[in-house]
Amino acid sequence: MGDGFQFLDIILLVMIAAFIFLRLRNVLGRRMGHEQPPREEISKKTYDDAETPMNEEPLENVVPMKEGIEFAPSEALAQTPMARTLRDIHAIDHNFNPDTFADQAEMAYEAIVSAFANGDRRTLGDLLSEEVYNNFGSAIDAREKAEEVMATDILSIEKSEVTAAELNGTEAEITVRFETDMISVTRDAEGVVVSGDPHPHVVKEYWTFARDLKSRNPNWALITTRSAE
């Protein structure tokens, strides 16, 4: 009788173990929605700088993007050369979403402009290519040597939109037009304004970002800026 109960206990334990195994396989075999998404980095040049090459090294300050984006432009937009290029970019990099790209660029715009004004070299080092970082660093060094202080306050970003896209092989470039309302002024040690404007003013710029879509580095880098005035 005791042997019979022992046999039933063994059968029960085997059934419980099988049930637990199946539950674990169901859980571990699917995505839970907590994975870290790819991240984009968009860097900023000084306002007067010309073109600079993109930085290929992965950076720390980046902007998260959603995975597995489905891009379906409107019928009218789908017929434009820019939309076709954006579709081609998406075909190579399925994590690319043109509908949110400008929003990610806005985040980078604010972070980089503020970092430059505050002399935050660490943040700039994460967001800028080596050459652009050197340009920023030189400007910050000169400002500190002259005992000048820069203050920048982005009051609002009135507009950000993708205006152009190019694809050469796997090298993609996307241009975003920004229209911002900001205060940016530099004062000397006596508090006298030496550059900029202490009053709100509108800044209109084109920023062009680039990325090798086959690179393991998911970050986009700012390669040019120009006035949109």
C-alpha atoms as a PDB file:
ATOM      1  CA  MET A   1       0.000   0.000   0.000  1.00  0.00           C
ATOM      2  CA  GLY A   2       2.838   2.338   0.915  1.00  0.00           C
ATOM      3  CA  ASP A   3       4.574   1.516  -2.374  1.00  0.00           C
ATOM      4  CA  GLY A   4       1.371   2.443  -4.232  1.00  0.00           C
ATOM      5  CA  PHE A   5       1.180   5.848  -2.587  1.00  0.00           C
ATOM      6  CA  GLN A   6       4.886   6.414  -3.274  1.00  0.00           C
ATOM      7  CA  PHE A   7       4.329   5.617  -6.940  1.00  0.00           C
ATOM      8  CA  LEU A   8       1.403   8.060  -7.102  1.00  0.00           C
ATOM      9  CA  ASP A   9       3.572  10.742  -5.458  1.00  0.00           C
ATOM     10  CA  ILE A  10       6.234  10.274  -8.118  1.00  0.00           C
ATOM     11  CA  ILE A  11       3.643  10.555 -10.907  1.00  0.00           C
ATOM     12  CA  LEU A  12       2.251  13.736  -9.321  1.00  0.00           C
ATOM     13  CA  LEU A  13       5.726  15.304  -9.053  1.00  0.00           C
ATOM     14  CA  VAL A  14       6.453  14.491 -12.702  1.00  0.00           C
ATOM     15  CA  MET A  15       3.191  16.140 -13.778  1.00  0.00           C
ATOM     16  CA  ILE A  16       3.939  19.255 -11.717  1.00  0.00           C
ATOM     17  CA  ALA A  17       7.473  19.492 -13.155  1.00  0.00           C
ATOM     18  CA  ALA A  18       6.130  19.167 -16.697  1.00  0.00           C
ATOM     19  CA  PHE A  19       3.556  21.889 -16.058  1.00  0.00           C
ATOM     20  CA  ILE A  20       6.215  24.272 -14.684  1.00  0.00           C
ATOM     21  CA  PHE A  21       8.517  23.549 -17.631  1.00  0.00           C
ATOM     22  CA  LEU A  22       5.780  24.347 -20.146  1.00  0.00           C
ATOM     23  CA  ARG A  23       4.930  27.619 -18.368  1.00  0.00           C
ATOM     24  CA  LEU A  24       8.607  28.661 -18.321  1.00  0.00           C
ATOM     25  CA  ARG A  25       9.003  27.876 -22.002  1.00  0.00           C
ATOM     26  CA  ASN A  26       5.943  29.959 -22.847  1.00  0.00           C
ATOM     27  CA  VAL A  27       7.294  32.910 -20.881  1.00  0.00           C
ATOM     28  CA  LEU A  28      10.953  32.762 -21.906  1.00  0.00           C
ATOM     29  CA  GLY A  29      10.171  32.008 -25.529  1.00  0.00           C
ATOM     30  CA  ARG A  30       8.513  35.326 -26.268  1.00  0.00           C
ATOM     31  CA  ARG A  31       9.430  39.033 -26.037  1.00  0.00           C
ATOM     32  CA  MET A  32       8.195  40.646 -22.838  1.00  0.00           C
ATOM     33  CA  GLY A  33       8.171  44.265 -24.013  1.00  0.00           C
ATOM     34  CA  HIS A  34      11.014  45.319 -21.690  1.00  0.00           C
ATOM     35  CA  GLU A  35      13.915  44.870 -24.106  1.00  0.00           C
ATOM     36  CA  GLN A  36      16.089  47.921 -24.651  1.00  0.00           C
ATOM     37  CA  PRO A  37      15.194  49.448 -28.058  1.00  0.00           C
ATOM     38  CA  PRO A  38      17.795  50.675 -30.530  1.00  0.00           C
ATOM     39  CA  ARG A  39      18.852  54.205 -29.891  1.00  0.00           C
ATOM     40  CA  GLU A  40      19.563  57.107 -32.189  1.00  0.00           C
ATOM     41  CA  GLU A  41      22.011  59.857 -31.619  1.00  0.00           C
ATOM     42  CA  ILE A  42      21.752  63.193 -33.339  1.00  0.00           C
ATOM     43  CA  SER A  43      24.607  65.618 -32.834  1.00  0.00           C
ATOM     44  CA  LYS A  44      24.764  69.435 -33.139  1.00  0.00           C
ATOM     45  CA  LYS A  45      27.397  71.702 -34.690  1.00  0.00           C
ATOM     46  CA  THR A  46      28.131  75.261 -33.741  1.00  0.00           C
ATOM     47  CA  TYR A  47      25.847  77.764 -35.440  1.00  0.00           C
ATOM     48  CA  ASP A  48      28.523  78.996 -37.851  1.00  0.00           C
ATOM     49  CA  ASP A  49      30.369  75.735 -38.600  1.00  0.00           C
ATOM     50  CA  ALA A  50      30.432  74.099 -42.030  1.00  0.00           C
ATOM     51  CA  GLU A  51      30.234  70.396 -42.872  1.00  0.00           C
ATOM     52  CA  THR A  52      31.905  67.795 -40.678  1.00  0.00           C
ATOM     53  CA  PRO A  53      32.065  63.998 -40.951  1.00  0.00           C
ATOM     54  CA  MET A  54      29.863  61.816 -38.777  1.00  0.00           C
ATOM     55  CA  ASN A  55      31.207  59.971 -35.755  1.00  0.00           C
ATOM     56  CA  GLU A  56      31.124  56.189 -36.170  1.00  0.00           C
ATOM     57  CA  GLU A  57      31.659  55.380 -32.466  1.00  0.00           C
ATOM     58  CA  PRO A  58      28.623  54.431 -30.321  1.00  0.00           C
ATOM     59  CA  LEU A  59      27.576  57.262 -28.035  1.00  0.00           C
ATOM     60  CA  GLU A  60      26.010  57.384 -24.580  1.00  0.00           C
ATOM     61  CA  ASN A  61      23.490  60.207 -25.006  1.00  0.00           C
ATOM     62  CA  VAL A  62      21.054  58.767 -27.468  1.00  0.00           C
ATOM     63  CA  VAL A  63      17.357  58.896 -28.270  1.00  0.00           C
ATOM     64  CA  PRO A  64      15.349  55.622 -28.116  1.00  0.00           C
ATOM     65  CA  MET A  65      13.401  54.485 -31.156  1.00  0.00           C
ATOM     66  CA  LYS A  66      10.667  51.863 -31.360  1.00  0.00           C
ATOM     67  CA  GLU A  67      11.438  48.473 -32.912  1.00  0.00           C
ATOM     68  CA  GLY A  68       9.768  46.948 -35.943  1.00  0.00           C
ATOM     69  CA  ILE A  69       8.148  50.141 -37.218  1.00  0.00           C
ATOM     70  CA  GLU A  70       5.628  49.842 -40.044  1.00  0.00           C
ATOM     71  CA  PHE A  71       5.938  52.854 -42.364  1.00  0.00           C
ATOM     72  CA  ALA A  72       2.883  53.536 -44.525  1.00  0.00           C
ATOM     73  CA  PRO A  73       2.890  57.080 -45.942  1.00  0.00           C
ATOM     74  CA  SER A  74      -0.267  58.636 -47.309  1.00  0.00           C
ATOM     75  CA  GLU A  75      -1.074  58.020 -50.971  1.00  0.00           C
ATOM     76  CA  ALA A  76      -0.154  61.586 -51.931  1.00  0.00           C
ATOM     77  CA  LEU A  77       3.095  61.553 -49.978  1.00  0.00           C
ATOM     78  CA  ALA A  78       4.003  58.097 -51.251  1.00  0.00           C
ATOM     79  CA  GLN A  79       4.388  59.467 -54.780  1.00  0.00           C
ATOM     80  CA  THR A  80       7.104  62.000 -53.876  1.00  0.00           C
ATOM     81  CA  PRO A  81      10.828  61.255 -54.341  1.00  0.00           C
ATOM     82  CA  MET A  82      11.440  61.968 -50.651  1.00  0.00           C
ATOM     83  CA  ALA A  83       8.809  59.443 -49.567  1.00  0.00           C
ATOM     84  CA  ARG A  84      10.279  56.811 -51.871  1.00  0.00           C
ATOM     85  CA  THR A  85      13.709  57.445 -50.357  1.00  0.00           C
ATOM     86  CA  LEU A  86      12.285  57.173 -46.846  1.00  0.00           C
ATOM     87  CA  ARG A  87      10.677  53.862 -47.817  1.00  0.00           C
ATOM     88  CA  ASP A  88      14.025  52.656 -49.155  1.00  0.00           C
ATOM     89  CA  ILE A  89      15.694  53.650 -45.876  1.00  0.00           C
ATOM     90  CA  HIS A  90      12.998  51.798 -43.941  1.00  0.00           C
ATOM     91  CA  ALA A  91      13.470  48.737 -46.155  1.00  0.00           C
ATOM     92  CA  ILE A  92      17.116  48.553 -45.068  1.00  0.00           C
ATOM     93  CA  ASP A  93      16.568  49.573 -41.454  1.00  0.00           C
ATOM     94  CA  HIS A  94      13.165  48.397 -40.221  1.00  0.00           C
ATOM     95  CA  ASN A  95      13.614  50.345 -36.977  1.00  0.00           C
ATOM     96  CA  PHE A  96      13.657  53.639 -38.870  1.00  0.00           C
ATOM     97  CA  ASN A  97      10.435  55.637 -38.570  1.00  0.00           C
ATOM     98  CA  PRO A  98      10.215  58.948 -40.452  1.00  0.00           C
ATOM     99  CA  ASP A  99       7.049  59.839 -38.556  1.00  0.00           C
ATOM    100  CA  THR A 100       8.990  60.159 -35.290  1.00  0.00           C
ATOM    101  CA  PHE A 101      12.409  61.159 -36.623  1.00  0.00           C
ATOM    102  CA  ALA A 102      11.729  64.893 -36.281  1.00  0.00           C
ATOM    103  CA  ASP A 103      10.572  64.386 -32.692  1.00  0.00           C
ATOM    104  CA  GLN A 104      13.824  62.627 -31.852  1.00  0.00           C
ATOM    105  CA  ALA A 105      15.724  65.476 -33.499  1.00  0.00           C
ATOM    106  CA  GLU A 106      13.896  67.975 -31.296  1.00  0.00           C
ATOM    107  CA  MET A 107      15.146  66.196 -28.193  1.00  0.00           C
ATOM    108  CA  ALA A 108      18.707  66.286 -29.484  1.00  0.00           C
ATOM    109  CA  TYR A 109      18.371  69.940 -30.491  1.00  0.00           C
ATOM    110  CA  GLU A 110      17.453  70.978 -26.954  1.00  0.00           C
ATOM    111  CA  ALA A 111      20.070  68.776 -25.293  1.00  0.00           C
ATOM    112  CA  ILE A 112      22.961  69.927 -27.450  1.00  0.00           C
ATOM    113  CA  VAL A 113      22.153  73.634 -27.527  1.00  0.00           C
ATOM    114  CA  SER A 114      21.851  73.615 -23.734  1.00  0.00           C
ATOM    115  CA  ALA A 115      25.062  71.621 -23.305  1.00  0.00           C
ATOM    116  CA  PHE A 116      26.996  74.059 -25.477  1.00  0.00           C
ATOM    117  CA  ALA A 117      25.717  77.058 -23.513  1.00  0.00           C
ATOM    118  CA  ASN A 118      26.561  75.391 -20.199  1.00  0.00           C
ATOM    119  CA  GLY A 119      29.987  74.189 -21.325  1.00  0.00           C
ATOM    120  CA  ASP A 120      28.938  70.593 -20.702  1.00  0.00           C
ATOM    121  CA  ARG A 121      31.793  68.852 -22.510  1.00  0.00           C
ATOM    122  CA  ARG A 122      30.758  65.400 -21.356  1.00  0.00           C
ATOM    123  CA  THR A 123      27.361  65.609 -23.014  1.00  0.00           C
ATOM    124  CA  LEU A 124      28.847  67.205 -26.110  1.00  0.00           C
ATOM    125  CA  GLY A 125      31.474  64.481 -26.292  1.00  0.00           C
ATOM    126  CA  ASP A 126      28.724  61.871 -26.412  1.00  0.00           C
ATOM    127  CA  LEU A 127      26.682  63.663 -29.049  1.00  0.00           C
ATOM    128  CA  LEU A 128      29.224  65.161 -31.434  1.00  0.00           C
ATOM    129  CA  SER A 129      31.734  63.812 -33.905  1.00  0.00           C
ATOM    130  CA  GLU A 130      35.363  64.440 -33.004  1.00  0.00           C
ATOM    131  CA  GLU A 131      35.752  67.402 -35.341  1.00  0.00           C
ATOM    132  CA  VAL A 132      32.511  69.032 -34.255  1.00  0.00           C
ATOM    133  CA  TYR A 133      33.386  68.436 -30.614  1.00  0.00           C
ATOM    134  CA  ASN A 134      36.709  70.172 -31.166  1.00  0.00           C
ATOM    135  CA  ASN A 135      34.880  73.169 -32.633  1.00  0.00           C
ATOM    136  CA  PHE A 136      32.574  73.330 -29.652  1.00  0.00           C
ATOM    137  CA  GLY A 137      35.479  72.848 -27.273  1.00  0.00           C
ATOM    138  CA  SER A 138      37.449  75.693 -28.838  1.00  0.00           C
ATOM    139  CA  ALA A 139      34.455  78.020 -28.554  1.00  0.00           C
ATOM    140  CA  ILE A 140      33.904  77.048 -24.921  1.00  0.00           C
ATOM    141  CA  ASP A 141      37.606  77.496 -24.134  1.00  0.00           C
ATOM    142  CA  ALA A 142      37.610  80.974 -25.671  1.00  0.00           C
ATOM    143  CA  ARG A 143      34.480  81.900 -23.761  1.00  0.00           C
ATOM    144  CA  GLU A 144      35.903  80.719 -20.454  1.00  0.00           C
ATOM    145  CA  LYS A 145      39.232  82.448 -21.076  1.00  0.00           C
ATOM    146  CA  ALA A 146      37.399  85.730 -21.675  1.00  0.00           C
ATOM    147  CA  GLU A 147      35.314  85.091 -18.537  1.00  0.00           C
ATOM    148  CA  GLU A 148      32.150  85.266 -20.583  1.00  0.00           C
ATOM    149  CA  VAL A 149      28.928  83.453 -19.755  1.00  0.00           C
ATOM    150  CA  MET A 150      26.444  82.186 -22.317  1.00  0.00           C
ATOM    151  CA  ALA A 151      22.772  81.701 -21.471  1.00  0.00           C
ATOM    152  CA  THR A 152      20.389  79.932 -23.828  1.00  0.00           C
ATOM    153  CA  ASP A 153      16.723  79.255 -23.211  1.00  0.00           C
ATOM    154  CA  ILE A 154      14.661  77.440 -25.831  1.00  0.00           C
ATOM    155  CA  LEU A 155      11.179  78.782 -25.187  1.00  0.00           C
ATOM    156  CA  SER A 156       9.496  76.557 -27.748  1.00  0.00           C
ATOM    157  CA  ILE A 157      10.113  74.537 -30.875  1.00  0.00           C
ATOM    158  CA  GLU A 158       7.421  75.813 -33.189  1.00  0.00           C
ATOM    159  CA  LYS A 159       8.161  73.461 -36.057  1.00  0.00           C
ATOM    160  CA  SER A 160      10.317  70.469 -36.938  1.00  0.00           C
ATOM    161  CA  GLU A 161       9.803  68.584 -40.175  1.00  0.00           C
ATOM    162  CA  VAL A 162      11.741  66.305 -42.484  1.00  0.00           C
ATOM    163  CA  THR A 163      12.355  68.222 -45.698  1.00  0.00           C
ATOM    164  CA  ALA A 164      14.791  66.043 -47.652  1.00  0.00           C
ATOM    165  CA  ALA A 165      16.217  62.536 -47.745  1.00  0.00           C
ATOM    166  CA  GLU A 166      19.029  60.925 -49.709  1.00  0.00           C
ATOM    167  CA  LEU A 167      20.284  57.361 -49.903  1.00  0.00           C
ATOM    168  CA  ASN A 168      23.547  56.332 -51.545  1.00  0.00           C
ATOM    169  CA  GLY A 169      24.034  52.622 -51.062  1.00  0.00           C
ATOM    170  CA  THR A 170      23.584  52.236 -47.324  1.00  0.00           C
ATOM    171  CA  GLU A 171      24.589  55.821 -46.526  1.00  0.00           C
ATOM    172  CA  ALA A 172      21.463  57.781 -45.622  1.00  0.00           C
ATOM    173  CA  GLU A 173      21.063  61.515 -45.066  1.00  0.00           C
ATOM    174  CA  ILE A 174      17.944  63.225 -43.727  1.00  0.00           C
ATOM    175  CA  THR A 175      17.406  66.969 -43.411  1.00  0.00           C
ATOM    176  CA  VAL A 176      15.117  68.444 -40.758  1.00  0.00           C
ATOM    177  CA  ARG A 177      13.921  72.041 -40.701  1.00  0.00           C
ATOM    178  CA  PHE A 178      13.623  73.609 -37.240  1.00  0.00           C
ATOM    179  CA  GLU A 179      11.858  76.793 -36.273  1.00  0.00           C
ATOM    180  CA  THR A 180      12.463  77.686 -32.623  1.00  0.00           C
ATOM    181  CA  ASP A 181      11.718  80.576 -30.311  1.00  0.00           C
ATOM    182  CA  MET A 182      14.684  81.137 -28.017  1.00  0.00           C
ATOM    183  CA  ILE A 183      16.817  83.512 -25.996  1.00  0.00           C
ATOM    184  CA  SER A 184      20.568  83.203 -26.511  1.00  0.00           C
ATOM    185  CA  VAL A 185      22.958  85.813 -25.147  1.00  0.00           C
ATOM    186  CA  THR A 186      26.590  85.994 -24.027  1.00  0.00           C
ATOM    187  CA  ARG A 187      27.730  88.454 -21.354  1.00  0.00           C
ATOM    188  CA  ASP A 188      31.180  89.444 -20.116  1.00  0.00           C
ATOM    189  CA  ALA A 189      32.344  89.435 -16.498  1.00  0.00           C
ATOM    190  CA  GLU A 190      30.634  92.799 -15.952  1.00  0.00           C
ATOM    191  CA  GLY A 191      27.323  91.501 -17.266  1.00  0.00           C
ATOM    192  CA  VAL A 192      27.533  93.469 -20.496  1.00  0.00           C
ATOM    193  CA  VAL A 193      26.061  91.765 -23.560  1.00  0.00           C
ATOM    194  CA  VAL A 194      28.854  90.914 -26.009  1.00  0.00           C
ATOM    195  CA  SER A 195      26.851  88.766 -28.434  1.00  0.00           C
ATOM    196  CA  GLY A 196      23.388  87.385 -28.961  1.00  0.00           C
ATOM    197  CA  ASP A 197      20.067  88.875 -27.953  1.00  0.00           C
ATOM    198  CA  PRO A 198      18.583  88.981 -24.430  1.00  0.00           C
ATOM    199  CA  HIS A 199      15.112  89.090 -25.962  1.00  0.00           C
ATOM    200  CA  PRO A 200      13.205  86.178 -27.523  1.00  0.00           C
ATOM    201  CA  HIS A 201      13.861  85.695 -31.221  1.00  0.00           C
ATOM    202  CA  VAL A 202      13.029  83.110 -33.855  1.00  0.00           C
ATOM    203  CA  VAL A 203      15.771  80.822 -35.168  1.00  0.00           C
ATOM    204  CA  LYS A 204      15.209  78.883 -38.403  1.00  0.00           C
ATOM    205  CA  GLU A 205      17.723  76.206 -39.375  1.00  0.00           C
ATOM    206  CA  TYR A 206      18.211  73.104 -41.492  1.00  0.00           C
ATOM    207  CA  TRP A 207      20.022  70.207 -39.836  1.00  0.00           C
ATOM    208  CA  THR A 208      21.201  67.237 -41.883  1.00  0.00           C
ATOM    209  CA  PHE A 209      21.778  63.879 -40.207  1.00  0.00           C
ATOM    210  CA  ALA A 210      23.619  60.869 -41.616  1.00  0.00           C
ATOM    211  CA  ARG A 211      24.001  57.185 -40.851  1.00  0.00           C
ATOM    212  CA  ASP A 212      25.334  54.009 -42.436  1.00  0.00           C
ATOM    213  CA  LEU A 213      22.225  51.827 -42.259  1.00  0.00           C
ATOM    214  CA  LYS A 214      24.294  48.636 -42.151  1.00  0.00           C
ATOM    215  CA  SER A 215      26.460  49.861 -39.287  1.00  0.00           C
ATOM    216  CA  ARG A 216      26.091  48.146 -35.912  1.00  0.00           C
ATOM    217  CA  ASN A 217      26.028  51.645 -34.446  1.00  0.00           C
ATOM    218  CA  PRO A 218      22.338  52.707 -34.572  1.00  0.00           C
ATOM    219  CA  ASN A 219      23.127  56.386 -34.011  1.00  0.00           C
ATOM    220  CA  TRP A 220      22.476  59.187 -36.486  1.00  0.00           C
ATOM    221  CA  ALA A 221      24.953  62.087 -36.496  1.00  0.00           C
ATOM    222  CA  LEU A 222      24.465  65.696 -37.442  1.00  0.00           C
ATOM    223  CA  ILE A 223      26.762  66.499 -40.368  1.00  0.00           C
ATOM    224  CA  THR A 224      25.664  69.992 -41.470  1.00  0.00           C
ATOM    225  CA  THR A 225      23.639  72.981 -40.323  1.00  0.00           C
ATOM    226  CA  ARG A 226      22.563  76.040 -42.259  1.00  0.00           C
ATOM    227  CA  SER A 227      20.235  78.952 -41.766  1.00  0.00           C
ATOM    228  CA  ALA A 228      16.718  78.666 -43.148  1.00  0.00           C
ATOM    229  CA  GLU A 229      16.222  82.430 -43.212  1.00  0.00           C
END
